[in-house]
Amino acid sequence: MPAPSDLDPRLLRAFLAVAEELHFTRAAARLYVAQQALSRDVRRLERELGAELFVRSTRQVTLTADGDRLVPYARRVLQAQDELLAAFGQARPLLVDLNYRGAATARRVLHRARELAPEHELMARYESGLTGAAAELLAGRLDASFGRFAGLEPVLRARLEHQPVRYEPMAVVLPEDHGLAALDAVPLAALAGETVYAGAGNPRTPEWTDLARRLFDGRGIEIAPPAPLAVGEEEFERIMAKTRDPILAVADFPPMPGRVLRPLIDPVPLSPVSLVWRKGLVHPAFDALRRAAAELSAEEAWLRMPSDGWFPAIDAEVMAAGARKR
């Protein structure tokens, strides 16, 4: 493979996106460029290197031996470029997933990070669940997200890092005329015989459904069957209005028309929230994001366990391991 005298890093970024996705359309979406422009950049790189990097067919894209050999070199070059730009404050925006627009914990961390690093751009994204966000993190389309780290598959956790942020008290969202709506707080035992919506069937949020299953196990509470996957608050509210099932939520869940939010007690179930990112992430605003999470956790005692708190044993292990790495 002859070495060119000058090589545009943009061409390496185009190559690496295709090499990781093995799909030109997905790679183009990941880089926010037209597929035609991406293909043109890959062809140019192949000409400059004097090597064919991909085998293209109507059904699939695969790496050639030269393409496979180029991958680790391209990653090192691009990481060095990112580190250089970060050192001089010229980095791209840090893309931070808040899960959904009403996520108070994640939003407060993001706002604090913006205050700590006003010279950098931190952009909010809404992937609606940590499992869904994890794929975007690993593909480089997101930089950080929030959620229940223990609920991810081990193969995903192995490629990600996390920092415990909060044990978030859980709640139930009830129709205004529900028999339990008159209570100030709902004992968990009072939900026996109820069918509660917990995102079953949503491919982006299985970590939340798993938490609900562990909470409801042995308490006579059923998880509602999958509902049509709603995108956006308006559609979610419409679907929930039709089913009228109670909704498992967190204490800071945003208001819904015709519904009331009630904290759960006896015990107080907790949703473990971590800041999650891909291993090796380099960005000048990332330290501010981690610092913001740590400051708010300390100021608000977010990681202090109430005496009657509950969460799964696996979460206790994972959160403790994350805390030791801080």
Protein backbone atom coordinates (compact mmCIF):
# COMPACT_ATOMS: atom_id res chain seq x y z
CA MET A 1 0.00 0.00 0.00
CA PRO A 2 1.90 3.15 -1.15
CA ALA A 3 1.93 6.05 1.31
CA PRO A 4 0.47 9.33 -0.02
CA SER A 5 2.35 12.55 0.73
CA ASP A 6 -0.76 14.20 2.20
CA LEU A 7 -3.99 12.59 3.41
CA ASP A 8 -7.20 14.38 4.40
CA PRO A 9 -8.45 13.02 7.78
CA ARG A 10 -11.99 13.43 6.46
CA LEU A 11 -11.33 10.57 4.06
CA LEU A 12 -10.19 8.34 6.92
CA ARG A 13 -13.33 9.27 8.88
CA ALA A 14 -15.49 8.29 5.89
CA PHE A 15 -13.60 5.02 5.52
CA LEU A 16 -13.87 4.15 9.22
CA ALA A 17 -17.61 4.84 9.33
CA VAL A 18 -18.18 2.42 6.42
CA ALA A 19 -15.76 -0.11 7.92
CA GLU A 20 -17.68 -0.12 11.21
CA GLU A 21 -21.18 -0.06 9.73
CA LEU A 22 -20.43 -2.22 6.63
CA HIS A 23 -23.25 -0.26 5.06
CA PHE A 24 -22.91 2.97 3.07
CA THR A 25 -26.38 4.31 3.89
CA ARG A 26 -25.94 3.86 7.66
CA ALA A 27 -22.42 5.28 7.51
CA ALA A 28 -23.66 8.35 5.64
CA ALA A 29 -26.41 8.91 8.23
CA ARG A 30 -23.85 8.55 11.02
CA LEU A 31 -21.68 11.28 9.47
CA TYR A 32 -24.62 13.47 8.41
CA VAL A 33 -23.48 13.49 4.77
CA ALA A 34 -25.07 12.40 1.52
CA GLN A 35 -24.35 8.79 0.54
CA GLN A 36 -23.01 9.98 -2.82
CA ALA A 37 -20.50 12.26 -1.08
CA LEU A 38 -19.44 9.44 1.26
CA SER A 39 -18.90 7.05 -1.64
CA ARG A 40 -16.87 9.73 -3.43
CA ASP A 41 -14.61 10.20 -0.39
CA VAL A 42 -14.02 6.46 -0.05
CA ARG A 43 -13.17 6.19 -3.76
CA ARG A 44 -10.74 9.10 -3.41
CA LEU A 45 -9.05 7.44 -0.43
CA GLU A 46 -8.70 4.22 -2.41
CA ARG A 47 -7.06 6.14 -5.27
CA GLU A 48 -4.68 7.97 -2.96
CA LEU A 49 -3.67 4.77 -1.19
CA GLY A 50 -3.58 2.73 -4.39
CA ALA A 51 -5.64 -0.02 -2.78
CA GLU A 52 -9.17 -1.36 -2.86
CA LEU A 53 -10.59 -1.13 0.66
CA PHE A 54 -14.08 -2.63 0.25
CA VAL A 55 -15.74 -5.36 -1.73
CA ARG A 56 -19.12 -3.95 -2.74
CA SER A 57 -22.09 -5.95 -3.92
CA THR A 58 -25.82 -5.32 -4.15
CA ARG A 59 -26.32 -7.23 -0.89
CA GLN A 60 -23.37 -6.40 1.33
CA VAL A 61 -20.18 -4.47 1.90
CA THR A 62 -17.09 -6.23 3.26
CA LEU A 63 -13.53 -5.16 3.99
CA THR A 64 -10.68 -6.30 1.80
CA ALA A 65 -7.40 -7.41 3.40
CA ASP A 66 -6.01 -3.89 2.83
CA GLY A 67 -9.15 -2.36 4.30
CA ASP A 68 -8.90 -4.54 7.37
CA ARG A 69 -5.23 -3.56 7.73
CA LEU A 70 -6.08 0.14 7.51
CA VAL A 71 -8.71 0.14 10.29
CA PRO A 72 -6.38 0.36 13.35
CA TYR A 73 -4.21 3.01 11.66
CA ALA A 74 -7.27 5.11 10.78
CA ARG A 75 -8.55 4.90 14.37
CA ARG A 76 -5.22 6.05 15.80
CA VAL A 77 -4.94 8.96 13.36
CA LEU A 78 -8.48 10.16 14.05
CA GLN A 79 -8.11 9.82 17.80
CA ALA A 80 -4.91 11.87 17.65
CA GLN A 81 -6.71 14.52 15.60
CA ASP A 82 -9.61 14.64 18.09
CA GLU A 83 -7.16 15.00 20.97
CA LEU A 84 -5.30 17.80 19.20
CA LEU A 85 -8.49 19.71 18.43
CA ALA A 86 -9.76 19.16 21.95
CA ALA A 87 -6.52 20.59 23.37
CA PHE A 88 -7.06 23.78 21.39
CA GLY A 89 -10.78 24.10 22.01
CA GLN A 90 -11.85 23.29 18.46
CA ALA A 91 -13.79 20.13 19.14
CA ARG A 92 -17.17 19.30 17.67
CA PRO A 93 -20.23 19.53 19.93
CA LEU A 94 -20.52 16.94 22.70
CA LEU A 95 -23.72 14.97 21.99
CA VAL A 96 -25.52 14.14 25.24
CA ASP A 97 -28.61 11.90 25.27
CA LEU A 98 -31.21 12.85 27.90
CA ASN A 99 -33.48 9.85 27.09
CA TYR A 100 -36.64 11.98 26.93
CA ARG A 101 -37.44 15.68 27.15
CA GLY A 102 -38.71 15.59 30.72
CA ALA A 103 -35.74 13.71 32.20
CA ALA A 104 -34.98 16.04 35.11
CA THR A 105 -31.82 14.35 36.39
CA ALA A 106 -30.08 14.23 33.02
CA ARG A 107 -31.26 17.73 32.12
CA ARG A 108 -29.90 19.22 35.36
CA VAL A 109 -26.51 17.57 34.80
CA LEU A 110 -26.38 18.91 31.24
CA HIS A 111 -27.32 22.43 32.35
CA ARG A 112 -24.65 22.39 35.08
CA ALA A 113 -22.05 21.15 32.57
CA ARG A 114 -22.91 24.02 30.23
CA GLU A 115 -22.32 26.43 33.11
CA LEU A 116 -18.97 24.80 33.87
CA ALA A 117 -17.82 24.84 30.23
CA PRO A 118 -19.51 27.82 28.52
CA GLU A 119 -16.84 27.89 25.82
CA HIS A 120 -17.92 24.45 24.53
CA GLU A 121 -21.10 23.25 22.86
CA LEU A 122 -23.05 20.48 24.58
CA MET A 123 -25.98 19.36 22.45
CA ALA A 124 -28.99 17.47 23.83
CA ARG A 125 -30.33 14.38 22.07
CA TYR A 126 -33.36 12.21 22.92
CA GLU A 127 -32.93 8.48 22.30
CA SER A 128 -35.64 7.45 24.83
CA GLY A 129 -33.75 4.58 26.46
CA LEU A 130 -30.24 3.51 27.45
CA THR A 131 -30.27 0.31 25.40
CA GLY A 132 -31.21 2.30 22.32
CA ALA A 133 -28.60 4.92 23.15
CA ALA A 134 -25.87 2.32 23.74
CA ALA A 135 -25.83 1.35 20.08
CA GLU A 136 -25.52 5.02 19.15
CA LEU A 137 -22.70 5.50 21.66
CA LEU A 138 -20.72 2.61 20.24
CA ALA A 139 -21.28 3.82 16.69
CA GLY A 140 -20.04 7.31 17.58
CA ARG A 141 -23.37 9.01 16.92
CA LEU A 142 -23.72 9.91 20.61
CA ASP A 143 -21.08 10.70 23.22
CA ALA A 144 -22.90 10.20 26.52
CA SER A 145 -26.25 9.04 27.86
CA PHE A 146 -27.99 8.35 31.17
CA GLY A 147 -29.75 5.30 32.53
CA ARG A 148 -29.64 1.97 34.31
CA PHE A 149 -26.20 0.58 33.42
CA ALA A 150 -26.85 -2.81 35.07
CA GLY A 151 -29.79 -3.29 32.69
CA LEU A 152 -27.53 -3.41 29.63
CA GLU A 153 -26.31 -6.68 28.19
CA PRO A 154 -22.81 -7.59 29.48
CA VAL A 155 -21.39 -7.37 25.95
CA LEU A 156 -22.48 -3.72 25.84
CA ARG A 157 -21.27 -2.90 29.35
CA ALA A 158 -17.83 -4.25 28.43
CA ARG A 159 -17.43 -1.55 25.77
CA LEU A 160 -18.80 1.31 27.85
CA GLU A 161 -17.90 3.21 31.03
CA HIS A 162 -20.27 4.65 33.63
CA GLN A 163 -20.37 6.98 36.60
CA PRO A 164 -23.16 6.55 39.19
CA VAL A 165 -25.28 9.70 39.43
CA ARG A 166 -28.50 9.03 41.32
CA TYR A 167 -30.81 6.55 42.96
CA GLU A 168 -34.00 8.09 41.58
CA PRO A 169 -37.22 7.41 43.57
CA MET A 170 -39.87 5.73 41.47
CA ALA A 171 -43.52 6.64 41.14
CA VAL A 172 -46.73 5.60 39.44
CA VAL A 173 -48.77 7.72 37.01
CA LEU A 174 -52.50 7.10 37.52
CA PRO A 175 -55.68 8.22 35.75
CA GLU A 176 -57.27 11.00 37.80
CA ASP A 177 -60.29 8.82 38.58
CA HIS A 178 -58.25 5.75 39.60
CA GLY A 179 -59.01 4.39 43.06
CA LEU A 180 -55.44 5.04 44.25
CA ALA A 181 -55.24 8.60 42.88
CA ALA A 182 -56.61 10.07 46.12
CA LEU A 183 -53.55 8.84 48.06
CA ASP A 184 -50.56 11.14 48.59
CA ALA A 185 -48.26 8.14 48.11
CA VAL A 186 -49.02 4.63 46.88
CA PRO A 187 -47.79 1.61 48.88
CA LEU A 188 -46.38 -0.96 46.51
CA ALA A 189 -48.73 -3.59 47.94
CA ALA A 190 -51.69 -1.47 46.84
CA LEU A 191 -50.79 -2.17 43.20
CA ALA A 192 -51.41 -5.91 43.64
CA GLY A 193 -53.85 -7.02 40.97
CA GLU A 194 -53.01 -4.05 38.72
CA THR A 195 -51.50 -4.19 35.25
CA VAL A 196 -48.82 -1.50 34.97
CA TYR A 197 -47.20 -0.15 31.82
CA ALA A 198 -43.38 -0.41 31.91
CA GLY A 199 -42.35 -0.15 28.27
CA ALA A 200 -42.70 -3.85 27.44
CA GLY A 201 -41.83 -4.48 23.81
CA ASN A 202 -39.95 -1.20 23.35
CA PRO A 203 -36.56 -2.23 21.90
CA ARG A 204 -34.92 0.94 23.25
CA THR A 205 -35.88 0.45 26.90
CA PRO A 206 -35.60 -3.23 27.95
CA GLU A 207 -33.46 -2.15 30.92
CA TRP A 208 -36.51 -0.31 32.32
CA THR A 209 -38.88 -3.22 31.72
CA ASP A 210 -36.39 -5.54 33.44
CA LEU A 211 -36.29 -3.23 36.47
CA ALA A 212 -40.10 -3.32 36.63
CA ARG A 213 -40.15 -7.10 36.37
CA ARG A 214 -37.73 -7.40 39.30
CA LEU A 215 -39.77 -4.92 41.32
CA PHE A 216 -43.13 -6.56 40.62
CA ASP A 217 -41.95 -10.16 41.07
CA GLY A 218 -43.86 -11.83 43.92
CA ARG A 219 -46.05 -8.79 44.54
CA GLY A 220 -49.00 -9.70 42.32
CA ILE A 221 -48.38 -6.84 39.88
CA GLU A 222 -48.48 -7.55 36.16
CA ILE A 223 -46.54 -5.78 33.43
CA ALA A 224 -48.82 -4.48 30.68
CA PRO A 225 -48.36 -6.18 27.30
CA PRO A 226 -46.59 -4.28 24.50
CA ALA A 227 -48.44 -1.27 23.17
CA PRO A 228 -47.88 0.39 19.79
CA LEU A 229 -44.48 2.07 19.95
CA ALA A 230 -45.19 5.79 20.40
CA VAL A 231 -42.69 8.42 19.26
CA GLY A 232 -43.03 11.75 21.05
CA GLU A 233 -44.97 12.90 24.11
CA GLU A 234 -48.23 13.52 22.25
CA GLU A 235 -48.41 10.01 20.82
CA PHE A 236 -47.40 8.43 24.13
CA GLU A 237 -50.14 10.33 25.95
CA ARG A 238 -52.70 9.30 23.31
CA ILE A 239 -51.82 5.60 23.57
CA MET A 240 -51.80 5.67 27.37
CA ALA A 241 -55.20 7.42 27.39
CA LYS A 242 -56.62 4.47 25.47
CA THR A 243 -55.20 1.77 27.75
CA ARG A 244 -55.72 3.66 31.05
CA ASP A 245 -53.08 1.43 32.68
CA PRO A 246 -51.03 2.87 35.53
CA ILE A 247 -47.54 3.81 34.32
CA LEU A 248 -44.33 3.04 36.17
CA ALA A 249 -42.28 6.23 36.25
CA VAL A 250 -39.82 8.25 38.36
CA ALA A 251 -40.58 11.00 40.84
CA ASP A 252 -39.62 13.78 38.40
CA PHE A 253 -41.74 12.46 35.52
CA PRO A 254 -43.39 15.37 33.65
CA PRO A 255 -47.13 16.03 34.04
CA MET A 256 -49.58 14.22 31.75
CA PRO A 257 -53.11 15.43 30.94
CA GLY A 258 -55.76 13.53 32.93
CA ARG A 259 -53.13 11.80 35.09
CA VAL A 260 -51.63 12.25 38.55
CA LEU A 261 -48.13 11.30 39.70
CA ARG A 262 -47.82 9.51 43.04
CA PRO A 263 -44.58 8.35 44.71
CA LEU A 264 -44.27 4.67 45.53
CA ILE A 265 -43.53 3.64 49.14
CA ASP A 266 -43.20 0.61 51.42
CA PRO A 267 -40.51 0.10 50.15
CA VAL A 268 -39.31 3.10 48.13
CA PRO A 269 -38.20 1.60 44.81
CA LEU A 270 -35.19 3.31 43.27
CA SER A 271 -34.09 3.60 39.66
CA PRO A 272 -30.25 3.61 39.51
CA VAL A 273 -29.06 6.30 37.07
CA SER A 274 -25.54 6.46 35.67
CA LEU A 275 -23.78 8.72 33.22
CA VAL A 276 -22.66 6.36 30.43
CA TRP A 277 -20.09 6.84 27.65
CA ARG A 278 -18.00 4.78 25.26
CA LYS A 279 -14.51 3.79 26.33
CA GLY A 280 -11.78 6.09 25.05
CA LEU A 281 -14.02 9.14 24.65
CA VAL A 282 -11.95 12.33 24.31
CA HIS A 283 -13.65 15.73 24.31
CA PRO A 284 -12.86 18.97 26.18
CA ALA A 285 -16.45 19.26 27.45
CA PHE A 286 -16.62 15.68 28.70
CA ASP A 287 -14.73 16.43 31.92
CA ALA A 288 -17.27 19.19 32.63
CA LEU A 289 -20.11 16.72 32.14
CA ARG A 290 -18.56 14.26 34.61
CA ARG A 291 -17.82 17.05 37.08
CA ALA A 292 -21.40 18.32 36.82
CA ALA A 293 -22.76 14.86 37.57
CA ALA A 294 -20.45 14.49 40.59
CA GLU A 295 -21.29 17.95 41.96
CA LEU A 296 -25.04 17.49 41.72
CA SER A 297 -24.84 13.98 43.19
CA ALA A 298 -23.03 15.39 46.22
CA GLU A 299 -25.12 18.56 46.60
CA GLU A 300 -28.47 16.76 46.31
CA ALA A 301 -27.37 13.55 48.10
CA TRP A 302 -28.56 11.68 45.04
CA LEU A 303 -26.54 8.57 45.90
CA ARG A 304 -27.69 8.36 49.51
CA MET A 305 -29.86 5.29 50.07
CA PRO A 306 -33.09 5.84 52.05
CA SER A 307 -33.55 3.40 54.91
CA ASP A 308 -36.51 1.77 53.15
CA GLY A 309 -35.04 1.96 49.64
CA TRP A 310 -35.09 -0.93 47.18
CA PHE A 311 -33.26 -1.81 43.99
CA PRO A 312 -31.94 -5.10 42.56
CA ALA A 313 -28.79 -6.72 43.90
CA ILE A 314 -27.19 -6.64 40.45
CA ASP A 315 -27.55 -2.87 40.40
CA ALA A 316 -25.90 -2.59 43.81
CA GLU A 317 -22.88 -4.49 42.45
CA VAL A 318 -22.65 -2.50 39.24
CA MET A 319 -23.13 0.89 40.90
CA ALA A 320 -20.52 0.07 43.54
CA ALA A 321 -18.02 -0.94 40.85
CA GLY A 322 -18.72 2.31 38.99
CA ALA A 323 -18.22 4.36 42.15
CA ARG A 324 -14.82 2.72 42.77
CA LYS A 325 -13.61 3.89 39.33
CA ARG A 326 -14.46 7.55 39.92
